[in-house]
Amino acid sequence: MQPYLQLASLRLATTIPLAPRLYDANLLAASGAAMASSMAYIALLCAALAAVVALLRWAYRWSHPRSNGRLPPGSLGLPVIGETLQFFAPNPTCDLSPFVKERIKRYGSIFKTSVVGRPVVVSADPEMNYYVFQQEGKLFESWYPDTFTEIFGRDNVGSLHGFMYKYLKTLVLRLYGQENLKSVLLAETDAACRGSLASWASQPSVELKEGISTMIFDLTAKKLIGYDPSKPSQVNLRKNFGAFIRGLISFPLNIPGTAYHECMEGRKNAMKVLRGMMKERMAEPERPCEDFFDHVIQELRREKPLLTETIALDLMFVLLFASFETTALALTIGVKLLTENPKVVDALREEHEAIIRNRKDPNSGVTWAEYKSMTFTSQVIMEIVRLANIVPGIFRKALQDVEIKGYTIPAGWGIMVCPPAVHLNPEIYEDPLAFNPWRWQGKPEITGGTKHFMAFGGGLRFCVGTDLSKVLMATFIHALVTKYSWRTVKGGNIVRTPGLSFPDGFHIQLFPKN
């Protein structure tokens, strides 16, 4: 027994020291390093998990925003990006964009989405659209995404509200109002259209969009800023606006080589020209008023001016753009539609040749009475702008939570009124993609936005250039159908991204009539 106890005590002594023992310093250091490494790994893992949880919570809040009521159906897409890529996807037809069409089919005529980082309610509902326009300044105000504001300037007329907007609108109507149209602009637009068509007829072909844009720009820029392309300081102004337009409604990626970057560079160069002109005119206090810019300078010289130089420059920039681009696009697609519908051309010729037969001098210009007598031409213009849908969306912002159609639009959210969805609605327009001017026969003239027609906007912001645009289109059609026939040479394909463009142009050849 004793040996066994001795052996047991020996084993115990060898396995469990009875006295303290000093460990090797290197072993302790290695053990401490391993423990620190483990702790760092655990801390890193916890941080990563916390970041994932925070990201998931943020994504959940993005896709499930808080609201005091029932939000419209729809999806806000990916965080920040939203559904921007789908919104800007090309559409090579006159039909409603797939982005809107698919969502109307899935969610109905009112749905939510997110474009360039902002939540937006899209409305294809005529009743809601009309309500939004009528409630401007009360429940809604004009608003555009930040990228649009960067393009047109933070003090552009579309971003101004209340008294300042009304003041600028009154100022612009001095130029584009009916009195000036009757006394001055009608004769000038008629002469410009006849001269341009005669020039194009002497060429093998003309790219129509570029030709019409140049014609209208030369006319309106002269009225606005005394534009003279022979002056070195102004020679590239039209090219700058061309660069601006090519990227106007494009994906907002501002890096060299993109359309958006080209657009911003075009704006910068155009604004440089306008600033130079303003500086010159401000230095000439005795300069007489020769154009609209001179009237703006006079407003700036008042003792207590309502305008600032920034607002004045942004106003001139927007007017130069809006005065020619939208009408040029509408006329180009209008000629394309006429080319495809010879019966409409025959009816137009009948109306305009009757006007000429009733003149004492067949070569005299269009009078105001003649313009107002162009009944079928007016129907053709309405049908052109209905199908052209130059403006894919009109934006507003909710000033407070708004209850409408059973949904809540939260304060600060954007609203995009969608004119194409109304203009191409088969419940409103029979066979909506057909070019049928006779659908307007017997209907009263539209002088403002309505529930079923909003090609020129609506409410307080009904386009101030509407009458000028109609006069330009009517005088162009008058000169075209009475003096020429034409054929398509090449091009004519359209793309909407979502703005309308002709990627390969629209080239036609004109043939003078005897």
Protein backbone atom coordinates (compact mmCIF):
# COMPACT_ATOMS: atom_id res chain seq x y z
CA MET A 1 0.00 0.00 0.00
CA GLN A 2 2.83 2.32 0.85
CA PRO A 3 4.48 2.09 -2.57
CA TYR A 4 1.11 2.84 -4.14
CA LEU A 5 0.74 5.94 -1.97
CA GLN A 6 4.24 7.01 -2.84
CA LEU A 7 3.53 6.55 -6.53
CA ALA A 8 0.28 8.53 -6.22
CA SER A 9 2.02 11.32 -4.37
CA LEU A 10 4.73 11.37 -7.01
CA ARG A 11 2.18 11.69 -9.82
CA LEU A 12 0.43 14.44 -7.94
CA ALA A 13 3.67 16.26 -7.45
CA THR A 14 4.50 16.05 -11.10
CA THR A 15 1.11 17.19 -12.36
CA ILE A 16 0.11 19.84 -9.86
CA PRO A 17 3.03 21.81 -8.50
CA LEU A 18 2.61 22.64 -4.89
CA ALA A 19 4.75 25.78 -5.14
CA PRO A 20 4.56 28.83 -7.51
CA ARG A 21 6.47 28.53 -10.75
CA LEU A 22 7.92 31.21 -13.03
CA TYR A 23 6.72 30.95 -16.68
CA ASP A 24 8.81 31.78 -19.67
CA ALA A 25 8.45 35.49 -20.76
CA ASN A 26 8.09 34.59 -24.42
CA LEU A 27 5.18 32.25 -23.69
CA LEU A 28 3.36 34.99 -21.79
CA ALA A 29 3.91 37.51 -24.60
CA ALA A 30 2.61 35.07 -27.23
CA SER A 31 -0.43 34.31 -25.14
CA GLY A 32 -1.15 38.03 -24.67
CA ALA A 33 -0.76 38.73 -28.39
CA ALA A 34 -3.14 35.90 -29.25
CA MET A 35 -5.68 37.22 -26.79
CA ALA A 36 -5.36 40.79 -28.19
CA SER A 37 -5.71 39.47 -31.72
CA SER A 38 -8.85 37.59 -30.74
CA MET A 39 -10.28 40.65 -29.06
CA ALA A 40 -9.53 42.77 -32.16
CA TYR A 41 -11.18 40.18 -34.39
CA ILE A 42 -14.26 40.11 -32.15
CA ALA A 43 -14.39 43.92 -32.11
CA LEU A 44 -14.07 44.04 -35.91
CA LEU A 45 -16.78 41.40 -36.27
CA CYS A 46 -19.08 43.36 -33.94
CA ALA A 47 -18.43 46.56 -35.89
CA ALA A 48 -19.19 44.81 -39.17
CA LEU A 49 -22.38 43.34 -37.76
CA ALA A 50 -23.39 46.76 -36.42
CA ALA A 51 -22.71 48.32 -39.85
CA VAL A 52 -24.78 45.61 -41.57
CA VAL A 53 -27.63 46.12 -39.11
CA ALA A 54 -27.45 49.90 -39.59
CA LEU A 55 -27.37 49.45 -43.37
CA LEU A 56 -30.35 47.09 -43.27
CA ARG A 57 -32.28 49.52 -41.05
CA TRP A 58 -31.43 52.39 -43.42
CA ALA A 59 -32.49 50.33 -46.45
CA TYR A 60 -35.71 49.35 -44.66
CA ARG A 61 -36.47 52.97 -43.79
CA TRP A 62 -35.73 53.96 -47.41
CA SER A 63 -38.15 51.39 -48.78
CA HIS A 64 -40.71 51.94 -45.99
CA PRO A 65 -40.75 55.71 -45.37
CA ARG A 66 -42.75 57.08 -42.49
CA SER A 67 -46.09 58.59 -43.32
CA ASN A 68 -49.08 59.94 -41.43
CA GLY A 69 -51.37 58.10 -43.81
CA ARG A 70 -51.48 55.59 -46.62
CA LEU A 71 -48.73 56.06 -49.21
CA PRO A 72 -49.42 55.33 -52.88
CA PRO A 73 -48.30 51.86 -54.02
CA GLY A 74 -44.97 51.47 -55.77
CA SER A 75 -41.29 50.99 -55.07
CA LEU A 76 -38.54 53.44 -54.14
CA GLY A 77 -35.96 51.12 -55.67
CA LEU A 78 -32.40 50.94 -54.37
CA PRO A 79 -31.28 53.39 -51.68
CA VAL A 80 -30.18 56.76 -53.15
CA ILE A 81 -30.23 55.47 -56.77
CA GLY A 82 -33.92 54.66 -56.54
CA GLU A 83 -35.38 53.91 -59.98
CA THR A 84 -33.34 56.56 -61.77
CA LEU A 85 -31.78 54.14 -64.27
CA GLN A 86 -35.20 52.83 -65.32
CA PHE A 87 -36.56 56.39 -65.58
CA PHE A 88 -33.85 57.38 -68.07
CA ALA A 89 -34.04 54.17 -70.13
CA PRO A 90 -34.44 54.96 -73.88
CA ASN A 91 -37.85 54.61 -75.53
CA PRO A 92 -37.80 54.66 -79.38
CA THR A 93 -41.55 55.28 -79.86
CA CYS A 94 -44.24 57.92 -79.47
CA ASP A 95 -45.93 55.64 -76.95
CA LEU A 96 -45.83 56.09 -73.19
CA SER A 97 -42.43 55.23 -71.70
CA PRO A 98 -42.11 51.64 -70.42
CA PHE A 99 -41.15 53.06 -67.01
CA VAL A 100 -44.55 54.73 -66.58
CA LYS A 101 -46.59 52.23 -68.59
CA GLU A 102 -45.43 49.18 -66.60
CA ARG A 103 -46.03 50.89 -63.25
CA ILE A 104 -49.51 52.09 -64.20
CA LYS A 105 -50.35 48.51 -65.13
CA ARG A 106 -48.94 47.21 -61.83
CA TYR A 107 -49.96 49.94 -59.36
CA GLY A 108 -52.59 52.11 -61.04
CA SER A 109 -52.56 55.73 -62.19
CA ILE A 110 -50.92 57.03 -58.98
CA PHE A 111 -47.70 55.43 -57.74
CA LYS A 112 -44.54 56.25 -55.82
CA THR A 113 -40.98 55.98 -57.03
CA SER A 114 -37.61 57.61 -56.44
CA VAL A 115 -35.68 59.58 -59.05
CA VAL A 116 -32.17 61.07 -58.54
CA GLY A 117 -32.35 60.49 -54.81
CA ARG A 118 -35.78 61.96 -54.07
CA PRO A 119 -39.11 60.23 -53.35
CA VAL A 120 -41.67 61.20 -55.99
CA VAL A 121 -45.36 60.45 -56.49
CA VAL A 122 -46.12 60.04 -60.21
CA SER A 123 -49.65 60.97 -61.31
CA ALA A 124 -51.27 59.78 -64.52
CA ASP A 125 -54.67 60.66 -63.07
CA PRO A 126 -56.35 63.65 -64.82
CA GLU A 127 -58.31 64.71 -61.72
CA MET A 128 -55.24 64.68 -59.49
CA ASN A 129 -53.12 66.50 -62.08
CA TYR A 130 -55.66 69.29 -62.35
CA TYR A 131 -55.92 69.53 -58.56
CA VAL A 132 -52.13 69.79 -58.19
CA PHE A 133 -51.99 72.65 -60.73
CA GLN A 134 -54.89 74.51 -59.12
CA GLN A 135 -53.41 74.27 -55.62
CA GLU A 136 -50.06 75.84 -56.46
CA GLY A 137 -48.98 78.23 -53.71
CA LYS A 138 -51.36 76.57 -51.25
CA LEU A 139 -50.60 72.86 -51.02
CA PHE A 140 -47.92 72.58 -53.70
CA GLU A 141 -45.14 74.65 -55.21
CA SER A 142 -43.03 74.37 -58.34
CA TRP A 143 -40.07 72.08 -57.81
CA TYR A 144 -37.50 70.19 -59.84
CA PRO A 145 -34.84 67.67 -58.79
CA ASP A 146 -31.50 69.14 -57.76
CA THR A 147 -29.89 68.09 -61.05
CA PHE A 148 -32.43 70.14 -63.02
CA THR A 149 -31.82 73.10 -60.72
CA GLU A 150 -28.09 72.86 -61.36
CA ILE A 151 -28.78 72.91 -65.11
CA PHE A 152 -31.14 75.89 -65.18
CA GLY A 153 -29.72 77.80 -62.22
CA ARG A 154 -30.90 77.94 -58.62
CA ASP A 155 -32.69 81.23 -59.25
CA ASN A 156 -34.39 80.22 -62.50
CA VAL A 157 -38.01 81.26 -62.98
CA GLY A 158 -39.25 77.69 -62.41
CA SER A 159 -37.80 77.72 -58.89
CA LEU A 160 -39.27 81.08 -57.86
CA HIS A 161 -42.63 81.44 -56.16
CA GLY A 162 -45.30 83.91 -55.19
CA PHE A 163 -44.86 87.58 -56.01
CA MET A 164 -41.44 87.18 -57.65
CA TYR A 165 -42.73 84.60 -60.11
CA LYS A 166 -45.77 86.76 -61.00
CA TYR A 167 -43.51 89.79 -61.42
CA LEU A 168 -41.20 87.94 -63.85
CA LYS A 169 -44.18 86.51 -65.74
CA THR A 170 -45.57 90.01 -66.26
CA LEU A 171 -42.15 91.15 -67.45
CA VAL A 172 -41.91 88.33 -70.00
CA LEU A 173 -45.44 88.95 -71.32
CA ARG A 174 -44.27 92.37 -72.53
CA LEU A 175 -42.40 90.41 -75.20
CA TYR A 176 -44.56 87.32 -75.74
CA GLY A 177 -48.05 88.69 -74.99
CA GLN A 178 -50.74 88.89 -77.68
CA GLU A 179 -50.36 92.63 -78.26
CA ASN A 180 -46.71 92.28 -79.27
CA LEU A 181 -47.53 89.14 -81.25
CA LYS A 182 -50.11 91.04 -83.29
CA SER A 183 -48.07 94.18 -83.86
CA VAL A 184 -44.54 92.80 -84.27
CA LEU A 185 -43.85 89.09 -83.86
CA LEU A 186 -46.36 87.65 -86.34
CA ALA A 187 -44.79 89.49 -89.29
CA GLU A 188 -41.28 88.62 -88.12
CA THR A 189 -42.03 84.91 -87.67
CA ASP A 190 -43.72 84.77 -91.09
CA ALA A 191 -40.69 86.39 -92.75
CA ALA A 192 -38.28 84.08 -90.90
CA CYS A 193 -40.18 80.96 -91.96
CA ARG A 194 -40.39 82.00 -95.62
CA GLY A 195 -36.72 82.98 -95.74
CA SER A 196 -35.50 79.77 -94.09
CA LEU A 197 -37.60 77.49 -96.29
CA ALA A 198 -36.38 79.28 -99.42
CA SER A 199 -32.77 78.84 -98.29
CA TRP A 200 -33.27 75.14 -97.53
CA ALA A 201 -34.93 74.56 -100.90
CA SER A 202 -31.69 75.60 -102.63
CA GLN A 203 -29.80 72.81 -100.83
CA PRO A 204 -29.75 69.07 -101.63
CA SER A 205 -31.26 68.42 -98.18
CA VAL A 206 -31.62 69.97 -94.75
CA GLU A 207 -31.48 68.42 -91.29
CA LEU A 208 -34.83 69.77 -90.17
CA LYS A 209 -34.38 69.86 -86.39
CA GLU A 210 -31.12 71.79 -86.66
CA GLY A 211 -32.50 74.09 -89.36
CA ILE A 212 -35.66 74.96 -87.39
CA SER A 213 -33.70 75.39 -84.16
CA THR A 214 -31.34 77.86 -85.83
CA MET A 215 -34.22 79.74 -87.46
CA ILE A 216 -36.13 80.18 -84.20
CA PHE A 217 -33.02 80.87 -82.13
CA ASP A 218 -31.90 83.63 -84.49
CA LEU A 219 -35.37 85.18 -84.32
CA THR A 220 -36.03 84.96 -80.58
CA ALA A 221 -32.44 85.62 -79.45
CA LYS A 222 -32.46 88.85 -81.45
CA LYS A 223 -35.61 89.95 -79.57
CA LEU A 224 -34.20 88.83 -76.24
CA ILE A 225 -30.54 89.93 -76.33
CA GLY A 226 -30.01 91.62 -79.72
CA TYR A 227 -28.27 88.45 -80.89
CA ASP A 228 -25.83 88.99 -83.75
CA PRO A 229 -23.93 85.82 -84.78
CA SER A 230 -21.35 87.96 -86.60
CA LYS A 231 -20.07 89.36 -83.28
CA PRO A 232 -17.07 87.39 -81.94
CA SER A 233 -18.52 87.36 -78.41
CA GLN A 234 -21.79 85.79 -79.60
CA VAL A 235 -20.68 83.53 -82.44
CA ASN A 236 -20.63 80.36 -80.30
CA LEU A 237 -23.75 81.06 -78.26
CA ARG A 238 -25.97 78.83 -80.40
CA LYS A 239 -23.37 76.02 -80.21
CA ASN A 240 -23.26 76.34 -76.42
CA PHE A 241 -27.02 75.87 -76.26
CA GLY A 242 -26.68 72.89 -78.61
CA ALA A 243 -24.27 71.25 -76.17
CA PHE A 244 -26.57 72.15 -73.29
CA ILE A 245 -29.59 70.56 -74.99
CA ARG A 246 -27.87 67.29 -75.87
CA GLY A 247 -27.47 66.43 -72.20
CA LEU A 248 -30.47 68.25 -70.77
CA ILE A 249 -32.53 65.19 -69.85
CA SER A 250 -29.81 62.62 -69.33
CA PHE A 251 -28.48 60.56 -66.45
CA PRO A 252 -26.90 63.08 -64.04
CA LEU A 253 -23.31 61.88 -64.11
CA ASN A 254 -21.06 64.95 -64.26
CA ILE A 255 -17.76 63.50 -65.49
CA PRO A 256 -15.98 64.30 -68.77
CA GLY A 257 -17.37 62.37 -71.71
CA THR A 258 -20.95 62.16 -70.44
CA ALA A 259 -23.91 64.02 -71.97
CA TYR A 260 -24.66 65.62 -68.60
CA HIS A 261 -21.11 67.01 -68.35
CA GLU A 262 -21.43 68.41 -71.88
CA CYS A 263 -24.71 70.00 -70.82
CA MET A 264 -23.14 71.70 -67.78
CA GLU A 265 -20.21 72.94 -69.87
CA GLY A 266 -22.67 74.37 -72.42
CA ARG A 267 -24.50 76.21 -69.65
CA LYS A 268 -21.24 77.55 -68.20
CA ASN A 269 -20.11 78.92 -71.57
CA ALA A 270 -23.51 80.44 -72.38
CA MET A 271 -23.67 82.11 -68.97
CA LYS A 272 -20.19 83.55 -69.56
CA VAL A 273 -21.47 85.27 -72.72
CA LEU A 274 -24.56 86.61 -70.90
CA ARG A 275 -22.48 87.93 -67.98
CA GLY A 276 -20.21 89.74 -70.43
CA MET A 277 -23.22 91.32 -72.13
CA MET A 278 -24.69 92.38 -68.79
CA LYS A 279 -21.41 93.96 -67.71
CA GLU A 280 -21.19 95.96 -70.96
CA ARG A 281 -24.78 97.21 -70.72
CA MET A 282 -24.60 98.08 -67.03
CA ALA A 283 -21.62 100.30 -67.91
CA GLU A 284 -23.78 102.24 -70.42
CA PRO A 285 -26.45 104.07 -68.36
CA GLU A 286 -27.66 106.04 -71.41
CA ARG A 287 -28.15 102.97 -73.58
CA PRO A 288 -31.66 102.92 -75.19
CA CYS A 289 -33.97 99.88 -74.79
CA GLU A 290 -33.48 97.85 -77.95
CA ASP A 291 -34.34 94.35 -76.71
CA PHE A 292 -35.74 92.47 -73.72
CA PHE A 293 -32.36 92.31 -71.96
CA ASP A 294 -32.28 96.12 -71.94
CA HIS A 295 -35.63 96.15 -70.11
CA VAL A 296 -34.21 93.71 -67.56
CA ILE A 297 -31.15 95.96 -67.10
CA GLN A 298 -33.51 98.89 -66.48
CA GLU A 299 -35.21 96.87 -63.73
CA LEU A 300 -31.80 96.22 -62.16
CA ARG A 301 -31.01 99.95 -62.17
CA ARG A 302 -34.04 100.85 -60.07
CA GLU A 303 -33.40 102.40 -56.68
CA LYS A 304 -34.83 99.32 -54.96
CA PRO A 305 -34.75 96.60 -57.63
CA LEU A 306 -36.76 93.43 -57.18
CA LEU A 307 -34.35 91.56 -59.40
CA THR A 308 -30.83 90.45 -58.57
CA GLU A 309 -28.16 89.96 -61.21
CA THR A 310 -28.27 86.20 -60.60
CA ILE A 311 -32.05 86.03 -61.13
CA ALA A 312 -31.75 88.22 -64.24
CA LEU A 313 -29.06 86.01 -65.79
CA ASP A 314 -30.93 82.78 -65.01
CA LEU A 315 -34.08 84.33 -66.50
CA MET A 316 -32.32 85.22 -69.74
CA PHE A 317 -30.76 81.77 -69.96
CA VAL A 318 -34.10 79.97 -69.49
CA LEU A 319 -35.88 82.27 -71.97
CA LEU A 320 -33.23 81.71 -74.64
CA PHE A 321 -33.57 77.96 -74.23
CA ALA A 322 -37.37 77.73 -73.91
CA SER A 323 -38.00 80.14 -76.79
CA PHE A 324 -36.62 77.82 -79.44
CA GLU A 325 -35.96 74.24 -78.35
CA THR A 326 -39.45 72.98 -77.48
CA THR A 327 -41.07 74.56 -80.57
CA ALA A 328 -38.28 73.26 -82.82
CA LEU A 329 -38.83 69.73 -81.54
CA ALA A 330 -42.61 70.01 -81.98
CA LEU A 331 -42.29 71.33 -85.55
CA THR A 332 -39.79 68.62 -86.49
CA ILE A 333 -41.98 65.79 -85.28
CA GLY A 334 -44.93 67.66 -86.83
CA VAL A 335 -43.34 67.54 -90.31
CA LYS A 336 -42.55 63.85 -89.77
CA LEU A 337 -46.23 63.20 -88.93
CA LEU A 338 -47.38 65.22 -91.95
CA THR A 339 -45.02 63.25 -94.19
CA GLU A 340 -46.63 60.04 -92.99
CA ASN A 341 -50.19 61.39 -93.38
CA PRO A 342 -50.69 62.94 -96.85
CA LYS A 343 -54.47 63.36 -96.30
CA VAL A 344 -53.70 65.86 -93.54
CA VAL A 345 -51.34 67.74 -95.89
CA ASP A 346 -54.10 67.90 -98.53
CA ALA A 347 -56.55 69.36 -96.00
CA LEU A 348 -53.94 71.92 -94.87
CA ARG A 349 -53.23 72.97 -98.45
CA GLU A 350 -56.92 73.48 -99.07
CA GLU A 351 -57.22 75.79 -96.05
CA HIS A 352 -54.07 77.82 -96.77
CA GLU A 353 -54.57 78.15 -100.52
CA ALA A 354 -58.04 79.55 -99.77
CA ILE A 355 -56.38 82.18 -97.56
CA ILE A 356 -54.02 83.17 -100.39
CA ARG A 357 -56.87 83.38 -102.93
CA ASN A 358 -58.63 85.90 -100.72
CA ARG A 359 -55.62 88.25 -100.58
CA LYS A 360 -55.18 91.25 -102.79
CA ASP A 361 -51.48 90.44 -103.00
CA PRO A 362 -50.83 86.66 -102.94
CA ASN A 363 -47.24 87.26 -101.80
CA SER A 364 -48.12 89.41 -98.79
CA GLY A 365 -47.44 88.16 -95.28
CA VAL A 366 -49.85 86.44 -92.91
CA THR A 367 -52.18 88.84 -91.10
CA TRP A 368 -53.61 88.35 -87.61
CA ALA A 369 -57.09 87.82 -89.08
CA GLU A 370 -55.72 85.13 -91.39
CA TYR A 371 -53.91 83.46 -88.53
CA LYS A 372 -57.08 83.35 -86.43
CA SER A 373 -58.99 81.86 -89.40
CA MET A 374 -56.69 78.80 -89.64
CA THR A 375 -59.17 76.42 -87.99
CA PHE A 376 -57.83 73.13 -89.31
CA THR A 377 -54.23 74.28 -88.79
CA SER A 378 -55.06 74.90 -85.13
CA GLN A 379 -56.38 71.33 -84.88
CA VAL A 380 -53.19 70.01 -86.50
CA ILE A 381 -51.04 71.94 -84.01
CA MET A 382 -53.03 70.55 -81.08
CA GLU A 383 -52.60 67.02 -82.40
CA ILE A 384 -48.87 67.51 -83.00
CA VAL A 385 -48.17 68.72 -79.47
CA ARG A 386 -50.42 66.01 -77.99
CA LEU A 387 -48.32 63.30 -79.67
CA ALA A 388 -44.97 65.08 -79.35
CA ASN A 389 -45.16 65.20 -75.54
CA ILE A 390 -42.07 67.37 -75.41
CA VAL A 391 -42.30 67.63 -71.61
CA PRO A 392 -42.31 64.12 -70.05
CA GLY A 393 -43.06 65.37 -66.55
CA ILE A 394 -44.06 68.53 -64.69
CA PHE A 395 -42.77 68.64 -61.12
CA ARG A 396 -44.28 70.04 -57.94
CA LYS A 397 -43.51 69.60 -54.22
CA ALA A 398 -45.97 69.07 -51.37
CA LEU A 399 -45.78 71.91 -48.83
CA GLN A 400 -47.61 69.82 -46.22
CA ASP A 401 -49.12 66.37 -45.90
CA VAL A 402 -51.76 66.21 -48.64
CA GLU A 403 -54.67 63.75 -48.65
CA ILE A 404 -55.84 62.99 -52.18
CA LYS A 405 -57.51 60.05 -53.91
CA GLY A 406 -57.25 57.98 -50.73
CA TYR A 407 -53.49 58.46 -50.43
CA THR A 408 -51.22 60.71 -48.38
CA ILE A 409 -48.41 62.63 -50.06
CA PRO A 410 -45.95 63.50 -47.26
CA ALA A 411 -44.70 67.06 -46.89
CA GLY A 412 -41.50 67.58 -48.91
CA TRP A 413 -42.17 64.79 -51.38
CA GLY A 414 -42.09 65.55 -55.09
CA ILE A 415 -45.05 65.08 -57.43
CA MET A 416 -44.52 64.40 -61.12
CA VAL A 417 -47.57 65.19 -63.22
CA CYS A 418 -47.22 63.00 -66.33
CA PRO A 419 -48.78 64.68 -69.43
CA PRO A 420 -47.98 61.77 -71.82
CA ALA A 421 -50.00 59.39 -69.64
CA VAL A 422 -53.04 61.64 -70.13
CA HIS A 423 -52.47 62.48 -73.80
CA LEU A 424 -52.06 58.79 -74.70
CA ASN A 425 -54.87 57.46 -72.52
CA PRO A 426 -57.31 55.44 -74.72
CA GLU A 427 -60.14 56.27 -72.32
CA ILE A 428 -59.67 59.96 -73.18
CA TYR A 429 -58.43 59.83 -76.80
CA GLU A 430 -59.69 57.12 -79.12
CA ASP A 431 -56.81 55.32 -80.83
CA PRO A 432 -54.37 57.66 -79.02
CA LEU A 433 -51.28 56.90 -81.12
CA ALA A 434 -53.05 57.79 -84.38
CA PHE A 435 -52.35 61.23 -85.86
CA ASN A 436 -55.92 62.48 -86.23
CA PRO A 437 -56.37 66.28 -86.21
CA TRP A 438 -60.10 65.85 -86.86
CA ARG A 439 -60.53 64.62 -83.27
CA TRP A 440 -60.34 68.33 -82.28
CA GLN A 441 -63.09 69.39 -84.69
CA GLY A 442 -65.87 71.35 -83.05
CA LYS A 443 -64.05 71.63 -79.71
CA PRO A 444 -63.43 75.07 -78.17
CA GLU A 445 -59.94 76.55 -78.30
CA ILE A 446 -57.86 75.59 -75.27
CA THR A 447 -56.30 78.68 -73.68
CA GLY A 448 -55.03 77.01 -70.49
CA GLY A 449 -54.25 73.62 -69.05
CA THR A 450 -57.22 71.27 -68.70
CA LYS A 451 -57.71 67.85 -67.14
CA HIS A 452 -57.20 66.16 -70.50
CA PHE A 453 -54.66 68.45 -72.18
CA MET A 454 -51.54 69.90 -70.60
CA ALA A 455 -48.94 70.15 -73.36
CA PHE A 456 -48.30 73.76 -72.26
CA GLY A 457 -48.54 73.12 -68.52
CA GLY A 458 -51.36 74.28 -66.32
CA GLY A 459 -52.46 76.48 -63.44
CA LEU A 460 -50.43 79.56 -62.57
CA ARG A 461 -47.48 78.29 -64.60
CA PHE A 462 -49.24 77.83 -67.92
CA CYS A 463 -46.47 78.50 -70.46
CA VAL A 464 -46.14 82.22 -71.26
CA GLY A 465 -44.73 81.34 -74.69
CA THR A 466 -47.75 79.28 -75.77
CA ASP A 467 -49.12 81.89 -78.16
CA LEU A 468 -45.71 82.50 -79.73
CA SER A 469 -45.22 78.78 -80.21
CA LYS A 470 -48.59 78.44 -81.96
CA VAL A 471 -47.86 81.43 -84.20
CA LEU A 472 -44.48 79.98 -85.18
CA MET A 473 -45.98 76.60 -86.00
CA ALA A 474 -48.87 78.10 -87.98
CA THR A 475 -46.71 80.44 -90.08
CA PHE A 476 -44.22 77.64 -90.77
CA ILE A 477 -46.99 75.28 -91.88
CA HIS A 478 -48.51 78.05 -94.04
CA ALA A 479 -45.26 78.67 -95.93
CA LEU A 480 -44.45 74.95 -96.17
CA VAL A 481 -47.70 73.64 -97.64
CA THR A 482 -48.38 76.58 -99.99
CA LYS A 483 -44.92 76.87 -101.53
CA TYR A 484 -43.27 73.44 -101.26
CA SER A 485 -43.55 69.70 -101.43
CA TRP A 486 -40.93 67.53 -99.74
CA ARG A 487 -39.59 64.04 -99.24
CA THR A 488 -37.62 62.30 -96.52
CA VAL A 489 -33.95 61.74 -97.37
CA LYS A 490 -32.88 59.89 -94.23
CA GLY A 491 -33.37 59.72 -90.47
CA GLY A 492 -36.54 60.55 -88.63
CA ASN A 493 -36.18 57.97 -85.86
CA ILE A 494 -36.97 59.27 -82.40
CA VAL A 495 -35.69 58.37 -78.94
CA ARG A 496 -37.07 59.51 -75.58
CA THR A 497 -34.67 59.38 -72.60
CA PRO A 498 -37.24 60.57 -71.44
CA GLY A 499 -36.89 63.84 -73.41
CA LEU A 500 -37.50 63.70 -77.17
CA SER A 501 -34.55 63.62 -79.58
CA PHE A 502 -33.71 62.59 -83.16
CA PRO A 503 -30.45 60.59 -82.79
CA ASP A 504 -29.83 60.31 -86.55
CA GLY A 505 -31.53 63.61 -87.45
CA PHE A 506 -34.43 64.11 -89.85
CA HIS A 507 -33.20 65.06 -93.31
CA ILE A 508 -35.67 66.22 -95.94
CA GLN A 509 -35.46 67.66 -99.46
CA LEU A 510 -37.73 70.58 -100.41
CA PHE A 511 -39.17 71.13 -103.89
CA PRO A 512 -40.58 74.60 -104.74
CA LYS A 513 -44.09 74.59 -106.21
CA ASN A 514 -44.97 76.57 -109.33
